[in-house]
């Protein structure tokens, strides 16, 4: 691995990009309660591992709870507007990804 890649690439490779799938963008962030609002472009379930990535944001975490219209749900379809509690600050426009390992597990179980 080259010096510039280690300095500026944060050690990521093309395989890392292929291992995740974008599921939406942060539409709003509620700092007092630590929740992001997302309109999903792909389905999402509680237990899936997500990554939030933006200009100053980069972290991953499992989805522990998800809400639609103040009701707790276990899964959400494409097009749903959901709220997810996050552990770090996010900003409007940050991209949200679901890791492909979660996708592979779901396809194998079907």
Protein backbone atom coordinates (compact mmCIF):
# COMPACT_ATOMS: atom_id res chain seq x y z
CA UNK A 1 0.00 0.00 0.00
CA UNK A 2 1.45 3.35 -1.02
CA UNK A 3 2.13 6.26 1.29
CA UNK A 4 -0.49 8.52 -0.31
CA UNK A 5 -3.19 5.84 -0.10
CA UNK A 6 -2.45 5.34 3.60
CA UNK A 7 -2.54 9.10 4.24
CA UNK A 8 -5.53 10.10 2.16
CA UNK A 9 -7.40 6.88 1.38
CA UNK A 10 -7.95 5.91 5.02
CA UNK A 11 -6.83 2.42 4.06
CA UNK A 12 -9.94 1.66 1.99
CA UNK A 13 -9.82 -0.34 -1.18
CA UNK A 14 -12.22 -0.99 -4.05
CA UNK A 15 -13.33 -4.16 -2.22
CA UNK A 16 -14.61 -2.02 0.67
CA UNK A 17 -16.82 -0.05 -1.71
CA UNK A 18 -18.19 -3.26 -3.20
CA UNK A 19 -18.91 -4.65 0.28
CA UNK A 20 -21.55 -2.00 1.00
CA UNK A 21 -24.67 -0.69 -0.69
CA UNK A 22 -26.11 2.82 -0.36
CA UNK A 23 -29.55 2.72 1.24
CA UNK A 24 -30.27 6.44 1.55
CA UNK A 25 -29.15 9.88 2.69
CA UNK A 26 -29.62 11.65 6.00
CA UNK A 27 -32.55 14.02 5.57
CA UNK A 28 -32.36 15.43 9.09
CA UNK A 29 -30.42 14.96 12.34
CA UNK A 30 -31.94 15.51 15.77
CA UNK A 31 -29.01 16.21 18.07
CA UNK A 32 -30.78 16.20 21.42
CA UNK A 33 -32.06 12.66 20.98
CA UNK A 34 -29.33 11.44 18.57
CA UNK A 35 -31.62 10.31 15.76
CA UNK A 36 -31.26 10.55 11.98
CA UNK A 37 -34.19 10.64 9.55
CA UNK A 38 -33.64 8.70 6.33
CA UNK A 39 -35.77 8.01 3.27
CA UNK A 40 -34.73 4.50 2.28
CA UNK A 41 -33.81 3.53 -1.26
CA UNK A 42 -33.32 -0.14 -0.23
CA UNK A 43 -34.96 -2.26 2.50
CA UNK A 44 -33.47 -2.24 6.02
CA UNK A 45 -34.01 -4.39 9.12
CA UNK A 46 -33.12 -4.12 12.79
CA UNK A 47 -29.79 -5.89 13.28
CA UNK A 48 -28.31 -4.80 9.94
CA UNK A 49 -24.96 -3.04 10.15
CA UNK A 50 -24.92 0.45 8.61
CA UNK A 51 -22.23 3.00 7.85
CA UNK A 52 -22.86 6.76 7.85
CA UNK A 53 -20.38 8.62 5.71
CA UNK A 54 -20.08 12.30 4.86
CA UNK A 55 -17.68 15.22 4.69
CA UNK A 56 -16.87 15.05 8.41
CA UNK A 57 -18.72 11.86 9.36
CA UNK A 58 -17.52 8.27 9.07
CA UNK A 59 -18.71 5.55 11.45
CA UNK A 60 -20.54 2.25 11.42
CA UNK A 61 -22.94 0.65 13.87
CA UNK A 62 -25.70 -1.94 14.03
CA UNK A 63 -29.32 -0.80 13.75
CA UNK A 64 -30.69 -1.39 17.24
CA UNK A 65 -34.04 0.33 16.80
CA UNK A 66 -35.98 1.85 13.93
CA UNK A 67 -39.14 3.95 13.99
CA UNK A 68 -41.74 4.93 11.42
CA UNK A 69 -44.21 7.62 12.53
CA UNK A 70 -43.25 7.12 16.22
CA UNK A 71 -43.95 3.37 15.98
CA UNK A 72 -41.14 0.87 16.52
CA UNK A 73 -40.65 -1.49 13.55
CA UNK A 74 -38.39 -4.46 12.81
CA UNK A 75 -38.03 -3.81 9.08
CA UNK A 76 -38.72 -1.06 6.56
CA UNK A 77 -39.28 -1.13 2.81
CA UNK A 78 -37.79 0.98 0.08
CA UNK A 79 -39.36 4.45 0.12
CA UNK A 80 -40.09 4.46 3.86
CA UNK A 81 -39.04 7.44 5.96
CA UNK A 82 -37.43 6.01 9.11
CA UNK A 83 -35.73 7.31 12.22
CA UNK A 84 -32.62 5.52 13.51
CA UNK A 85 -30.76 6.26 16.73
CA UNK A 86 -27.05 6.86 16.07
CA UNK A 87 -24.04 7.08 18.35
CA UNK A 88 -22.33 10.08 16.68
CA UNK A 89 -23.29 13.40 15.16
CA UNK A 90 -24.45 13.34 11.54
CA UNK A 91 -25.24 16.02 9.01
CA UNK A 92 -27.93 16.45 6.39
CA UNK A 93 -26.78 14.86 3.15
CA UNK A 94 -24.52 12.22 4.73
CA UNK A 95 -24.76 8.92 2.87
CA UNK A 96 -25.96 5.78 4.64
CA UNK A 97 -24.73 2.34 3.55
CA UNK A 98 -25.66 -1.23 4.46
CA UNK A 99 -22.83 -3.73 4.52
CA UNK A 100 -22.98 -6.45 1.86
CA UNK A 101 -22.18 -9.17 4.40
CA UNK A 102 -25.66 -8.51 5.77
CA UNK A 103 -27.06 -8.77 2.24
CA UNK A 104 -25.29 -12.09 1.64
CA UNK A 105 -26.58 -13.55 4.92
CA UNK A 106 -30.17 -12.61 4.02
CA UNK A 107 -29.93 -14.08 0.50
CA UNK A 108 -28.40 -17.31 1.83
CA UNK A 109 -31.20 -17.75 4.37
CA UNK A 110 -33.93 -17.50 1.70
